[in-house]
Amino acid sequence: MTAVKESSTNRENKLLIKEVCPVTFTLQKIGGRWKPLILYNLRGVTLRYGQLRKAIPNITEKMLIQQLRELEADGLVTREIKPVVPPHVEYSLTPLGDSLSPLLNEMAEWGLKNNPQ
């Protein structure tokens, strides 16, 4: 991937839009192919990595790890390593991530009503 110049107009526009548009800010945090599915599956539950992987069968291991790290960095998901033998990792929504549950539920409802399948 090529580096983006600090002074590029495109970069400046992205930063400005993110600052002035709350919808764009939200979509930057939860948008993409996999983040909504991860967040949706973690609503109200704590899942081990393997359980989450089974809940989203088409995601690659690399992509799941990457998306979980981004969600964790954004403060939406928490990762807890359990000190058991063998050790395992559990993921759950933070209070900030949990505050997205009503939005995700509404998005799911809208999708069910408007998907032409």
PDB file of N, CA and C in Angstrom:
ATOM      1  N   MET A   1       0.847  -1.163   0.000  1.00  0.00           N
ATOM      2  CA  MET A   1       0.000   0.000   0.000  1.00  0.00           C
ATOM      3  C   MET A   1       0.894   1.227   0.000  1.00  0.00           C
ATOM      4  N   THR A   2       0.551   2.211  -0.798  1.00  0.00           N
ATOM      5  CA  THR A   2       1.362   3.410  -0.891  1.00  0.00           C
ATOM      6  C   THR A   2       1.022   4.382   0.228  1.00  0.00           C
ATOM      7  N   ALA A   3       2.029   5.133   0.626  1.00  0.00           N
ATOM      8  CA  ALA A   3       1.829   6.114   1.694  1.00  0.00           C
ATOM      9  C   ALA A   3       1.077   7.322   1.149  1.00  0.00           C
ATOM     10  N   VAL A   4       0.252   7.915   1.996  1.00  0.00           N
ATOM     11  CA  VAL A   4      -0.509   9.105   1.609  1.00  0.00           C
ATOM     12  C   VAL A   4       0.260  10.321   2.092  1.00  0.00           C
ATOM     13  N   LYS A   5       0.449  11.281   1.195  1.00  0.00           N
ATOM     14  CA  LYS A   5       1.169  12.495   1.563  1.00  0.00           C
ATOM     15  C   LYS A   5       0.414  13.241   2.648  1.00  0.00           C
ATOM     16  N   GLU A   6       1.175  13.793   3.601  1.00  0.00           N
ATOM     17  CA  GLU A   6       0.575  14.560   4.692  1.00  0.00           C
ATOM     18  C   GLU A   6      -0.206  15.761   4.174  1.00  0.00           C
ATOM     19  N   SER A   7       0.236  16.327   3.053  1.00  0.00           N
ATOM     20  CA  SER A   7      -0.390  17.547   2.539  1.00  0.00           C
ATOM     21  C   SER A   7      -1.413  17.287   1.432  1.00  0.00           C
ATOM     22  N   SER A   8      -1.765  16.024   1.200  1.00  0.00           N
ATOM     23  CA  SER A   8      -2.677  15.740   0.093  1.00  0.00           C
ATOM     24  C   SER A   8      -4.078  16.287   0.381  1.00  0.00           C
ATOM     25  N   THR A   9      -4.711  16.771  -0.665  1.00  0.00           N
ATOM     26  CA  THR A   9      -6.059  17.322  -0.552  1.00  0.00           C
ATOM     27  C   THR A   9      -7.048  16.230  -0.138  1.00  0.00           C
ATOM     28  N   ASN A  10      -6.874  15.049  -0.675  1.00  0.00           N
ATOM     29  CA  ASN A  10      -7.757  13.934  -0.339  1.00  0.00           C
ATOM     30  C   ASN A  10      -7.689  13.629   1.163  1.00  0.00           C
ATOM     31  N   ARG A  11      -6.501  13.608   1.709  1.00  0.00           N
ATOM     32  CA  ARG A  11      -6.322  13.346   3.138  1.00  0.00           C
ATOM     33  C   ARG A  11      -6.992  14.447   3.964  1.00  0.00           C
ATOM     34  N   GLU A  12      -6.790  15.682   3.571  1.00  0.00           N
ATOM     35  CA  GLU A  12      -7.400  16.808   4.283  1.00  0.00           C
ATOM     36  C   GLU A  12      -8.923  16.734   4.225  1.00  0.00           C
ATOM     37  N   ASN A  13      -9.456  16.375   3.064  1.00  0.00           N
ATOM     38  CA  ASN A  13     -10.910  16.249   2.920  1.00  0.00           C
ATOM     39  C   ASN A  13     -11.462  15.141   3.810  1.00  0.00           C
ATOM     40  N   LYS A  14     -10.773  14.010   3.882  1.00  0.00           N
ATOM     41  CA  LYS A  14     -11.221  12.908   4.739  1.00  0.00           C
ATOM     42  C   LYS A  14     -11.250  13.338   6.200  1.00  0.00           C
ATOM     43  N   LEU A  15     -10.210  14.042   6.634  1.00  0.00           N
ATOM     44  CA  LEU A  15     -10.169  14.512   8.020  1.00  0.00           C
ATOM     45  C   LEU A  15     -11.281  15.502   8.304  1.00  0.00           C
ATOM     46  N   LEU A  16     -11.541  16.422   7.364  1.00  0.00           N
ATOM     47  CA  LEU A  16     -12.588  17.428   7.547  1.00  0.00           C
ATOM     48  C   LEU A  16     -13.970  16.778   7.623  1.00  0.00           C
ATOM     49  N   ILE A  17     -14.231  15.848   6.707  1.00  0.00           N
ATOM     50  CA  ILE A  17     -15.531  15.172   6.691  1.00  0.00           C
ATOM     51  C   ILE A  17     -15.735  14.398   7.989  1.00  0.00           C
ATOM     52  N   LYS A  18     -14.686  13.734   8.464  1.00  0.00           N
ATOM     53  CA  LYS A  18     -14.766  12.973   9.703  1.00  0.00           C
ATOM     54  C   LYS A  18     -15.106  13.888  10.879  1.00  0.00           C
ATOM     55  N   GLU A  19     -14.569  15.102  10.871  1.00  0.00           N
ATOM     56  CA  GLU A  19     -14.799  16.051  11.960  1.00  0.00           C
ATOM     57  C   GLU A  19     -16.201  16.645  11.927  1.00  0.00           C
ATOM     58  N   VAL A  20     -16.722  16.935  10.733  1.00  0.00           N
ATOM     59  CA  VAL A  20     -17.995  17.660  10.653  1.00  0.00           C
ATOM     60  C   VAL A  20     -19.213  16.762  10.448  1.00  0.00           C
ATOM     61  N   CYS A  21     -19.001  15.503  10.089  1.00  0.00           N
ATOM     62  CA  CYS A  21     -20.140  14.628   9.814  1.00  0.00           C
ATOM     63  C   CYS A  21     -20.148  13.450  10.783  1.00  0.00           C
ATOM     64  N   PRO A  22     -21.091  13.418  11.712  1.00  0.00           N
ATOM     65  CA  PRO A  22     -21.128  12.316  12.677  1.00  0.00           C
ATOM     66  C   PRO A  22     -21.423  10.958  12.036  1.00  0.00           C
ATOM     67  N   VAL A  23     -22.136  10.949  10.924  1.00  0.00           N
ATOM     68  CA  VAL A  23     -22.433   9.683  10.247  1.00  0.00           C
ATOM     69  C   VAL A  23     -21.143   9.100   9.668  1.00  0.00           C
ATOM     70  N   THR A  24     -20.336   9.949   9.056  1.00  0.00           N
ATOM     71  CA  THR A  24     -19.060   9.488   8.499  1.00  0.00           C
ATOM     72  C   THR A  24     -18.151   8.974   9.603  1.00  0.00           C
ATOM     73  N   PHE A  25     -18.119   9.681  10.730  1.00  0.00           N
ATOM     74  CA  PHE A  25     -17.313   9.237  11.875  1.00  0.00           C
ATOM     75  C   PHE A  25     -17.757   7.841  12.319  1.00  0.00           C
ATOM     76  N   THR A  26     -19.067   7.649  12.454  1.00  0.00           N
ATOM     77  CA  THR A  26     -19.602   6.362  12.890  1.00  0.00           C
ATOM     78  C   THR A  26     -19.265   5.260  11.896  1.00  0.00           C
ATOM     79  N   LEU A  27     -19.455   5.552  10.605  1.00  0.00           N
ATOM     80  CA  LEU A  27     -19.167   4.544   9.581  1.00  0.00           C
ATOM     81  C   LEU A  27     -17.686   4.201   9.520  1.00  0.00           C
ATOM     82  N   GLN A  28     -16.823   5.162   9.840  1.00  0.00           N
ATOM     83  CA  GLN A  28     -15.393   4.859   9.881  1.00  0.00           C
ATOM     84  C   GLN A  28     -15.084   3.859  10.983  1.00  0.00           C
ATOM     85  N   LYS A  29     -15.812   3.940  12.089  1.00  0.00           N
ATOM     86  CA  LYS A  29     -15.565   3.045  13.216  1.00  0.00           C
ATOM     87  C   LYS A  29     -16.182   1.663  13.024  1.00  0.00           C
ATOM     88  N   ILE A  30     -17.371   1.593  12.413  1.00  0.00           N
ATOM     89  CA  ILE A  30     -18.077   0.309  12.334  1.00  0.00           C
ATOM     90  C   ILE A  30     -18.286  -0.180  10.910  1.00  0.00           C
ATOM     91  N   GLY A  31     -17.807   0.579   9.926  1.00  0.00           N
ATOM     92  CA  GLY A  31     -18.062   0.229   8.535  1.00  0.00           C
ATOM     93  C   GLY A  31     -17.145  -0.867   8.020  1.00  0.00           C
ATOM     94  N   GLY A  32     -17.444  -1.332   6.849  1.00  0.00           N
ATOM     95  CA  GLY A  32     -16.670  -2.382   6.210  1.00  0.00           C
ATOM     96  C   GLY A  32     -17.487  -3.654   6.104  1.00  0.00           C
ATOM     97  N   ARG A  33     -16.859  -4.673   5.619  1.00  0.00           N
ATOM     98  CA  ARG A  33     -17.550  -5.941   5.400  1.00  0.00           C
ATOM     99  C   ARG A  33     -17.744  -6.723   6.691  1.00  0.00           C
ATOM    100  N   TRP A  34     -16.755  -6.697   7.586  1.00  0.00           N
ATOM    101  CA  TRP A  34     -16.770  -7.611   8.721  1.00  0.00           C
ATOM    102  C   TRP A  34     -17.082  -6.981  10.068  1.00  0.00           C
ATOM    103  N   LYS A  35     -16.743  -5.724  10.270  1.00  0.00           N
ATOM    104  CA  LYS A  35     -16.966  -5.110  11.586  1.00  0.00           C
ATOM    105  C   LYS A  35     -18.425  -5.155  12.031  1.00  0.00           C
ATOM    106  N   PRO A  36     -19.394  -4.846  11.168  1.00  0.00           N
ATOM    107  CA  PRO A  36     -20.779  -4.941  11.621  1.00  0.00           C
ATOM    108  C   PRO A  36     -21.159  -6.352  12.080  1.00  0.00           C
ATOM    109  N   LEU A  37     -20.668  -7.369  11.376  1.00  0.00           N
ATOM    110  CA  LEU A  37     -20.958  -8.756  11.768  1.00  0.00           C
ATOM    111  C   LEU A  37     -20.329  -9.114  13.108  1.00  0.00           C
ATOM    112  N   ILE A  38     -19.115  -8.663  13.323  1.00  0.00           N
ATOM    113  CA  ILE A  38     -18.437  -8.930  14.593  1.00  0.00           C
ATOM    114  C   ILE A  38     -19.207  -8.269  15.733  1.00  0.00           C
ATOM    115  N   LEU A  39     -19.517  -6.981  15.557  1.00  0.00           N
ATOM    116  CA  LEU A  39     -20.239  -6.250  16.594  1.00  0.00           C
ATOM    117  C   LEU A  39     -21.619  -6.858  16.842  1.00  0.00           C
ATOM    118  N   TYR A  40     -22.308  -7.233  15.766  1.00  0.00           N
ATOM    119  CA  TYR A  40     -23.643  -7.815  15.892  1.00  0.00           C
ATOM    120  C   TYR A  40     -23.602  -9.124  16.671  1.00  0.00           C
ATOM    121  N   ASN A  41     -22.590  -9.944  16.407  1.00  0.00           N
ATOM    122  CA  ASN A  41     -22.467 -11.230  17.096  1.00  0.00           C
ATOM    123  C   ASN A  41     -22.047 -11.095  18.549  1.00  0.00           C
ATOM    124  N   LEU A  42     -21.440  -9.977  18.913  1.00  0.00           N
ATOM    125  CA  LEU A  42     -21.000  -9.775  20.291  1.00  0.00           C
ATOM    126  C   LEU A  42     -22.032  -9.052  21.159  1.00  0.00           C
ATOM    127  N   ARG A  43     -23.190  -8.720  20.584  1.00  0.00           N
ATOM    128  CA  ARG A  43     -24.212  -8.012  21.373  1.00  0.00           C
ATOM    129  C   ARG A  43     -24.664  -8.879  22.537  1.00  0.00           C
ATOM    130  N   GLY A  44     -24.432  -8.384  23.740  1.00  0.00           N
ATOM    131  CA  GLY A  44     -24.940  -9.042  24.937  1.00  0.00           C
ATOM    132  C   GLY A  44     -24.257 -10.333  25.339  1.00  0.00           C
ATOM    133  N   VAL A  45     -23.206 -10.726  24.640  1.00  0.00           N
ATOM    134  CA  VAL A  45     -22.518 -11.976  24.979  1.00  0.00           C
ATOM    135  C   VAL A  45     -21.002 -11.783  24.938  1.00  0.00           C
ATOM    136  N   THR A  46     -20.335 -12.695  25.593  1.00  0.00           N
ATOM    137  CA  THR A  46     -18.878 -12.787  25.507  1.00  0.00           C
ATOM    138  C   THR A  46     -18.579 -14.064  24.743  1.00  0.00           C
ATOM    139  N   LEU A  47     -17.735 -13.942  23.726  1.00  0.00           N
ATOM    140  CA  LEU A  47     -17.417 -15.111  22.903  1.00  0.00           C
ATOM    141  C   LEU A  47     -15.921 -15.358  22.877  1.00  0.00           C
ATOM    142  N   ARG A  48     -15.568 -16.624  22.890  1.00  0.00           N
ATOM    143  CA  ARG A  48     -14.177 -16.992  22.665  1.00  0.00           C
ATOM    144  C   ARG A  48     -13.882 -16.799  21.184  1.00  0.00           C
ATOM    145  N   TYR A  49     -12.598 -16.711  20.879  1.00  0.00           N
ATOM    146  CA  TYR A  49     -12.188 -16.476  19.490  1.00  0.00           C
ATOM    147  C   TYR A  49     -12.799 -17.517  18.556  1.00  0.00           C
ATOM    148  N   GLY A  50     -12.718 -18.775  18.928  1.00  0.00           N
ATOM    149  CA  GLY A  50     -13.239 -19.852  18.082  1.00  0.00           C
ATOM    150  C   GLY A  50     -14.739 -19.750  17.856  1.00  0.00           C
ATOM    151  N   GLN A  51     -15.460 -19.351  18.887  1.00  0.00           N
ATOM    152  CA  GLN A  51     -16.907 -19.176  18.751  1.00  0.00           C
ATOM    153  C   GLN A  51     -17.229 -18.053  17.778  1.00  0.00           C
ATOM    154  N   LEU A  52     -16.474 -16.980  17.879  1.00  0.00           N
ATOM    155  CA  LEU A  52     -16.677 -15.854  16.975  1.00  0.00           C
ATOM    156  C   LEU A  52     -16.331 -16.253  15.548  1.00  0.00           C
ATOM    157  N   ARG A  53     -15.270 -17.014  15.388  1.00  0.00           N
ATOM    158  CA  ARG A  53     -14.855 -17.489  14.054  1.00  0.00           C
ATOM    159  C   ARG A  53     -15.947 -18.365  13.440  1.00  0.00           C
ATOM    160  N   LYS A  54     -16.573 -19.232  14.243  1.00  0.00           N
ATOM    161  CA  LYS A  54     -17.651 -20.096  13.745  1.00  0.00           C
ATOM    162  C   LYS A  54     -18.900 -19.294  13.401  1.00  0.00           C
ATOM    163  N   ALA A  55     -19.131 -18.212  14.138  1.00  0.00           N
ATOM    164  CA  ALA A  55     -20.312 -17.385  13.888  1.00  0.00           C
ATOM    165  C   ALA A  55     -20.195 -16.620  12.577  1.00  0.00           C
ATOM    166  N   ILE A  56     -18.957 -16.413  12.105  1.00  0.00           N
ATOM    167  CA  ILE A  56     -18.710 -15.696  10.841  1.00  0.00           C
ATOM    168  C   ILE A  56     -17.816 -16.598   9.988  1.00  0.00           C
ATOM    169  N   PRO A  57     -18.375 -17.647   9.398  1.00  0.00           N
ATOM    170  CA  PRO A  57     -17.548 -18.680   8.754  1.00  0.00           C
ATOM    171  C   PRO A  57     -16.735 -18.224   7.543  1.00  0.00           C
ATOM    172  N   ASN A  58     -17.154 -17.203   6.839  1.00  0.00           N
ATOM    173  CA  ASN A  58     -16.447 -16.819   5.618  1.00  0.00           C
ATOM    174  C   ASN A  58     -15.272 -15.880   5.849  1.00  0.00           C
ATOM    175  N   ILE A  59     -15.088 -15.397   7.052  1.00  0.00           N
ATOM    176  CA  ILE A  59     -13.986 -14.480   7.331  1.00  0.00           C
ATOM    177  C   ILE A  59     -12.701 -15.291   7.522  1.00  0.00           C
ATOM    178  N   THR A  60     -11.602 -14.766   6.994  1.00  0.00           N
ATOM    179  CA  THR A  60     -10.325 -15.445   7.198  1.00  0.00           C
ATOM    180  C   THR A  60      -9.808 -15.140   8.594  1.00  0.00           C
ATOM    181  N   GLU A  61      -8.938 -15.986   9.073  1.00  0.00           N
ATOM    182  CA  GLU A  61      -8.365 -15.790  10.404  1.00  0.00           C
ATOM    183  C   GLU A  61      -7.622 -14.458  10.480  1.00  0.00           C
ATOM    184  N   LYS A  62      -6.844 -14.159   9.446  1.00  0.00           N
ATOM    185  CA  LYS A  62      -6.090 -12.911   9.410  1.00  0.00           C
ATOM    186  C   LYS A  62      -7.019 -11.696   9.468  1.00  0.00           C
ATOM    187  N   MET A  63      -8.097 -11.734   8.720  1.00  0.00           N
ATOM    188  CA  MET A  63      -9.029 -10.606   8.679  1.00  0.00           C
ATOM    189  C   MET A  63      -9.763 -10.461  10.006  1.00  0.00           C
ATOM    190  N   LEU A  64     -10.159 -11.571  10.614  1.00  0.00           N
ATOM    191  CA  LEU A  64     -10.843 -11.504  11.901  1.00  0.00           C
ATOM    192  C   LEU A  64      -9.931 -10.877  12.955  1.00  0.00           C
ATOM    193  N   ILE A  65      -8.694 -11.314  13.004  1.00  0.00           N
ATOM    194  CA  ILE A  65      -7.743 -10.754  13.959  1.00  0.00           C
ATOM    195  C   ILE A  65      -7.547  -9.264  13.706  1.00  0.00           C
ATOM    196  N   GLN A  66      -7.384  -8.886  12.446  1.00  0.00           N
ATOM    197  CA  GLN A  66      -7.181  -7.473  12.094  1.00  0.00           C
ATOM    198  C   GLN A  66      -8.381  -6.617  12.501  1.00  0.00           C
ATOM    199  N   GLN A  67      -9.572  -7.096  12.197  1.00  0.00           N
ATOM    200  CA  GLN A  67     -10.776  -6.336  12.522  1.00  0.00           C
ATOM    201  C   GLN A  67     -10.982  -6.241  14.030  1.00  0.00           C
ATOM    202  N   LEU A  68     -10.713  -7.322  14.749  1.00  0.00           N
ATOM    203  CA  LEU A  68     -10.827  -7.293  16.210  1.00  0.00           C
ATOM    204  C   LEU A  68      -9.832  -6.308  16.815  1.00  0.00           C
ATOM    205  N   ARG A  69      -8.633  -6.264  16.276  1.00  0.00           N
ATOM    206  CA  ARG A  69      -7.634  -5.306  16.774  1.00  0.00           C
ATOM    207  C   ARG A  69      -8.074  -3.869  16.537  1.00  0.00           C
ATOM    208  N   GLU A  70      -8.641  -3.602  15.366  1.00  0.00           N
ATOM    209  CA  GLU A  70      -9.127  -2.245  15.073  1.00  0.00           C
ATOM    210  C   GLU A  70     -10.282  -1.871  15.995  1.00  0.00           C
ATOM    211  N   LEU A  71     -11.216  -2.800  16.203  1.00  0.00           N
ATOM    212  CA  LEU A  71     -12.338  -2.535  17.097  1.00  0.00           C
ATOM    213  C   LEU A  71     -11.866  -2.328  18.535  1.00  0.00           C
ATOM    214  N   GLU A  72     -10.848  -3.073  18.925  1.00  0.00           N
ATOM    215  CA  GLU A  72     -10.277  -2.911  20.263  1.00  0.00           C
ATOM    216  C   GLU A  72      -9.579  -1.551  20.386  1.00  0.00           C
ATOM    217  N   ALA A  73      -8.832  -1.165  19.349  1.00  0.00           N
ATOM    218  CA  ALA A  73      -8.140   0.122  19.357  1.00  0.00           C
ATOM    219  C   ALA A  73      -9.134   1.284  19.408  1.00  0.00           C
ATOM    220  N   ASP A  74     -10.304   1.105  18.809  1.00  0.00           N
ATOM    221  CA  ASP A  74     -11.337   2.145  18.809  1.00  0.00           C
ATOM    222  C   ASP A  74     -12.181   2.118  20.077  1.00  0.00           C
ATOM    223  N   GLY A  75     -11.884   1.186  20.974  1.00  0.00           N
ATOM    224  CA  GLY A  75     -12.589   1.130  22.241  1.00  0.00           C
ATOM    225  C   GLY A  75     -13.969   0.511  22.185  1.00  0.00           C
ATOM    226  N   LEU A  76     -14.243  -0.271  21.137  1.00  0.00           N
ATOM    227  CA  LEU A  76     -15.561  -0.877  20.973  1.00  0.00           C
ATOM    228  C   LEU A  76     -15.621  -2.315  21.465  1.00  0.00           C
ATOM    229  N   VAL A  77     -14.480  -2.978  21.464  1.00  0.00           N
ATOM    230  CA  VAL A  77     -14.394  -4.384  21.858  1.00  0.00           C
ATOM    231  C   VAL A  77     -13.280  -4.532  22.890  1.00  0.00           C
ATOM    232  N   THR A  78     -13.506  -5.401  23.841  1.00  0.00           N
ATOM    233  CA  THR A  78     -12.474  -5.709  24.823  1.00  0.00           C
ATOM    234  C   THR A  78     -12.004  -7.141  24.624  1.00  0.00           C
ATOM    235  N   ARG A  79     -10.724  -7.340  24.829  1.00  0.00           N
ATOM    236  CA  ARG A  79     -10.092  -8.653  24.667  1.00  0.00           C
ATOM    237  C   ARG A  79      -9.544  -9.067  26.024  1.00  0.00           C
ATOM    238  N   GLU A  80      -9.963 -10.242  26.481  1.00  0.00           N
ATOM    239  CA  GLU A  80      -9.503 -10.718  27.777  1.00  0.00           C
ATOM    240  C   GLU A  80      -8.862 -12.092  27.614  1.00  0.00           C
ATOM    241  N   ILE A  81      -7.617 -12.191  28.045  1.00  0.00           N
ATOM    242  CA  ILE A  81      -6.902 -13.467  28.009  1.00  0.00           C
ATOM    243  C   ILE A  81      -7.156 -14.176  29.334  1.00  0.00           C
ATOM    244  N   LYS A  82      -7.696 -15.373  29.259  1.00  0.00           N
ATOM    245  CA  LYS A  82      -8.008 -16.160  30.452  1.00  0.00           C
ATOM    246  C   LYS A  82      -6.788 -16.993  30.845  1.00  0.00           C
ATOM    247  N   PRO A  83      -6.355 -16.886  32.103  1.00  0.00           N
ATOM    248  CA  PRO A  83      -5.169 -17.630  32.555  1.00  0.00           C
ATOM    249  C   PRO A  83      -5.501 -19.073  32.928  1.00  0.00           C
ATOM    250  N   VAL A  84      -5.889 -19.834  31.941  1.00  0.00           N
ATOM    251  CA  VAL A  84      -6.195 -21.251  32.150  1.00  0.00           C
ATOM    252  C   VAL A  84      -5.308 -22.064  31.228  1.00  0.00           C
ATOM    253  N   VAL A  85      -5.298 -23.348  31.410  1.00  0.00           N
ATOM    254  CA  VAL A  85      -4.518 -24.220  30.538  1.00  0.00           C
ATOM    255  C   VAL A  85      -5.484 -25.051  29.726  1.00  0.00           C
ATOM    256  N   PRO A  86      -5.479 -24.991  28.420  1.00  0.00           N
ATOM    257  CA  PRO A  86      -4.731 -24.036  27.608  1.00  0.00           C
ATOM    258  C   PRO A  86      -5.370 -22.645  27.679  1.00  0.00           C
ATOM    259  N   PRO A  87      -4.560 -21.594  27.521  1.00  0.00           N
ATOM    260  CA  PRO A  87      -5.110 -20.243  27.596  1.00  0.00           C
ATOM    261  C   PRO A  87      -6.077 -19.975  26.439  1.00  0.00           C
ATOM    262  N   HIS A  88      -7.074 -19.161  26.703  1.00  0.00           N
ATOM    263  CA  HIS A  88      -7.971 -18.760  25.629  1.00  0.00           C
ATOM    264  C   HIS A  88      -8.319 -17.287  25.790  1.00  0.00           C
ATOM    265  N   VAL A  89      -8.817 -16.720  24.695  1.00  0.00           N
ATOM    266  CA  VAL A  89      -9.126 -15.299  24.637  1.00  0.00           C
ATOM    267  C   VAL A  89     -10.627 -15.132  24.472  1.00  0.00           C
ATOM    268  N   GLU A  90     -11.194 -14.184  25.212  1.00  0.00           N
ATOM    269  CA  GLU A  90     -12.617 -13.881  25.099  1.00  0.00           C
ATOM    270  C   GLU A  90     -12.787 -12.436  24.649  1.00  0.00           C
ATOM    271  N   TYR A  91     -13.790 -12.230  23.819  1.00  0.00           N
ATOM    272  CA  TYR A  91     -14.103 -10.896  23.310  1.00  0.00           C
ATOM    273  C   TYR A  91     -15.512 -10.512  23.728  1.00  0.00           C
ATOM    274  N   SER A  92     -15.666  -9.249  24.077  1.00  0.00           N
ATOM    275  CA  SER A  92     -16.990  -8.722  24.401  1.00  0.00           C
ATOM    276  C   SER A  92     -17.014  -7.245  24.045  1.00  0.00           C
ATOM    277  N   LEU A  93     -18.208  -6.696  24.017  1.00  0.00           N
ATOM    278  CA  LEU A  93     -18.350  -5.273  23.728  1.00  0.00           C
ATOM    279  C   LEU A  93     -18.041  -4.464  24.974  1.00  0.00           C
ATOM    280  N   THR A  94     -17.385  -3.347  24.786  1.00  0.00           N
ATOM    281  CA  THR A  94     -17.199  -2.390  25.864  1.00  0.00           C
ATOM    282  C   THR A  94     -18.524  -1.641  26.031  1.00  0.00           C
ATOM    283  N   PRO A  95     -18.672  -0.832  27.067  1.00  0.00           N
ATOM    284  CA  PRO A  95     -19.891  -0.021  27.169  1.00  0.00           C
ATOM    285  C   PRO A  95     -20.098   0.859  25.928  1.00  0.00           C
ATOM    286  N   LEU A  96     -19.005   1.379  25.369  1.00  0.00           N
ATOM    287  CA  LEU A  96     -19.119   2.176  24.142  1.00  0.00           C
ATOM    288  C   LEU A  96     -19.609   1.310  22.984  1.00  0.00           C
ATOM    289  N   GLY A  97     -19.057   0.114  22.852  1.00  0.00           N
ATOM    290  CA  GLY A  97     -19.496  -0.808  21.806  1.00  0.00           C
ATOM    291  C   GLY A  97     -20.927  -1.254  22.008  1.00  0.00           C
ATOM    292  N   ASP A  98     -21.295  -1.487  23.263  1.00  0.00           N
ATOM    293  CA  ASP A  98     -22.663  -1.900  23.572  1.00  0.00           C
ATOM    294  C   ASP A  98     -23.672  -0.799  23.238  1.00  0.00           C
ATOM    295  N   SER A  99     -23.232   0.452  23.313  1.00  0.00           N
ATOM    296  CA  SER A  99     -24.138   1.552  22.972  1.00  0.00           C
ATOM    297  C   SER A  99     -24.520   1.541  21.493  1.00  0.00           C
ATOM    298  N   LEU A 100     -23.807   0.752  20.681  1.00  0.00           N
ATOM    299  CA  LEU A 100     -24.143   0.614  19.262  1.00  0.00           C
ATOM    300  C   LEU A 100     -25.226  -0.436  19.019  1.00  0.00           C
ATOM    301  N   SER A 101     -25.557  -1.243  20.021  1.00  0.00           N
ATOM    302  CA  SER A 101     -26.532  -2.329  19.835  1.00  0.00           C
ATOM    303  C   SER A 101     -27.869  -1.859  19.268  1.00  0.00           C
ATOM    304  N   PRO A 102     -28.474  -0.780  19.792  1.00  0.00           N
ATOM    305  CA  PRO A 102     -29.738  -0.334  19.192  1.00  0.00           C
ATOM    306  C   PRO A 102     -29.573   0.057  17.715  1.00  0.00           C
ATOM    307  N   LEU A 103     -28.462   0.680  17.394  1.00  0.00           N
ATOM    308  CA  LEU A 103     -28.194   1.050  15.997  1.00  0.00           C
ATOM    309  C   LEU A 103     -28.060  -0.196  15.125  1.00  0.00           C
ATOM    310  N   LEU A 104     -27.323  -1.192  15.596  1.00  0.00           N
ATOM    311  CA  LEU A 104     -27.153  -2.432  14.841  1.00  0.00           C
ATOM    312  C   LEU A 104     -28.478  -3.168  14.683  1.00  0.00           C
ATOM    313  N   ASN A 105     -29.296  -3.159  15.731  1.00  0.00           N
ATOM    314  CA  ASN A 105     -30.618  -3.788  15.634  1.00  0.00           C
ATOM    315  C   ASN A 105     -31.490  -3.087  14.595  1.00  0.00           C
ATOM    316  N   GLU A 106     -31.462  -1.770  14.582  1.00  0.00           N
ATOM    317  CA  GLU A 106     -32.231  -1.002  13.599  1.00  0.00           C
ATOM    318  C   GLU A 106     -31.721  -1.264  12.184  1.00  0.00           C
ATOM    319  N   MET A 107     -30.411  -1.344  12.031  1.00  0.00           N
ATOM    320  CA  MET A 107     -29.842  -1.635  10.716  1.00  0.00           C
ATOM    321  C   MET A 107     -30.265  -3.020  10.243  1.00  0.00           C
ATOM    322  N   ALA A 108     -30.275  -3.991  11.155  1.00  0.00           N
ATOM    323  CA  ALA A 108     -30.700  -5.347  10.801  1.00  0.00           C
ATOM    324  C   ALA A 108     -32.171  -5.358  10.391  1.00  0.00           C
ATOM    325  N   GLU A 109     -32.990  -4.647  11.145  1.00  0.00           N
ATOM    326  CA  GLU A 109     -34.419  -4.575  10.826  1.00  0.00           C
ATOM    327  C   GLU A 109     -34.637  -3.917   9.461  1.00  0.00           C
ATOM    328  N   TRP A 110     -33.926  -2.851   9.203  1.00  0.00           N
ATOM    329  CA  TRP A 110     -34.038  -2.151   7.914  1.00  0.00           C
ATOM    330  C   TRP A 110     -33.620  -3.096   6.784  1.00  0.00           C
ATOM    331  N   GLY A 111     -32.513  -3.831   7.003  1.00  0.00           N
ATOM    332  CA  GLY A 111     -32.045  -4.765   5.987  1.00  0.00           C
ATOM    333  C   GLY A 111     -33.045  -5.869   5.705  1.00  0.00           C
ATOM    334  N   LEU A 112     -33.687  -6.392   6.747  1.00  0.00           N
ATOM    335  CA  LEU A 112     -34.705  -7.432   6.559  1.00  0.00           C
ATOM    336  C   LEU A 112     -35.902  -6.924   5.777  1.00  0.00           C
ATOM    337  N   LYS A 113     -36.293  -5.684   6.026  1.00  0.00           N
ATOM    338  CA  LYS A 113     -37.444  -5.115   5.334  1.00  0.00           C
ATOM    339  C   LYS A 113     -37.153  -4.761   3.883  1.00  0.00           C
ATOM    340  N   ASN A 114     -35.926  -4.368   3.597  1.00  0.00           N
ATOM    341  CA  ASN A 114     -35.622  -3.802   2.285  1.00  0.00           C
ATOM    342  C   ASN A 114     -34.739  -4.651   1.399  1.00  0.00           C
ATOM    343  N   ASN A 115     -34.304  -5.819   1.853  1.00  0.00           N
ATOM    344  CA  ASN A 115     -33.503  -6.693   1.016  1.00  0.00           C
ATOM    345  C   ASN A 115     -34.427  -7.400   0.033  1.00  0.00           C
ATOM    346  N   PRO A 116     -34.183  -7.240  -1.280  1.00  0.00           N
ATOM    347  CA  PRO A 116     -35.097  -7.790  -2.288  1.00  0.00           C
ATOM    348  C   PRO A 116     -35.002  -9.294  -2.491  1.00  0.00           C
ATOM    349  N   GLN A 117     -34.275 -10.027  -1.683  1.00  0.00           N
ATOM    350  CA  GLN A 117     -34.127 -11.482  -1.891  1.00  0.00           C
ATOM    351  C   GLN A 117     -35.426 -12.177  -1.801  1.00  0.00           C
TER     352      GLN A 117
END
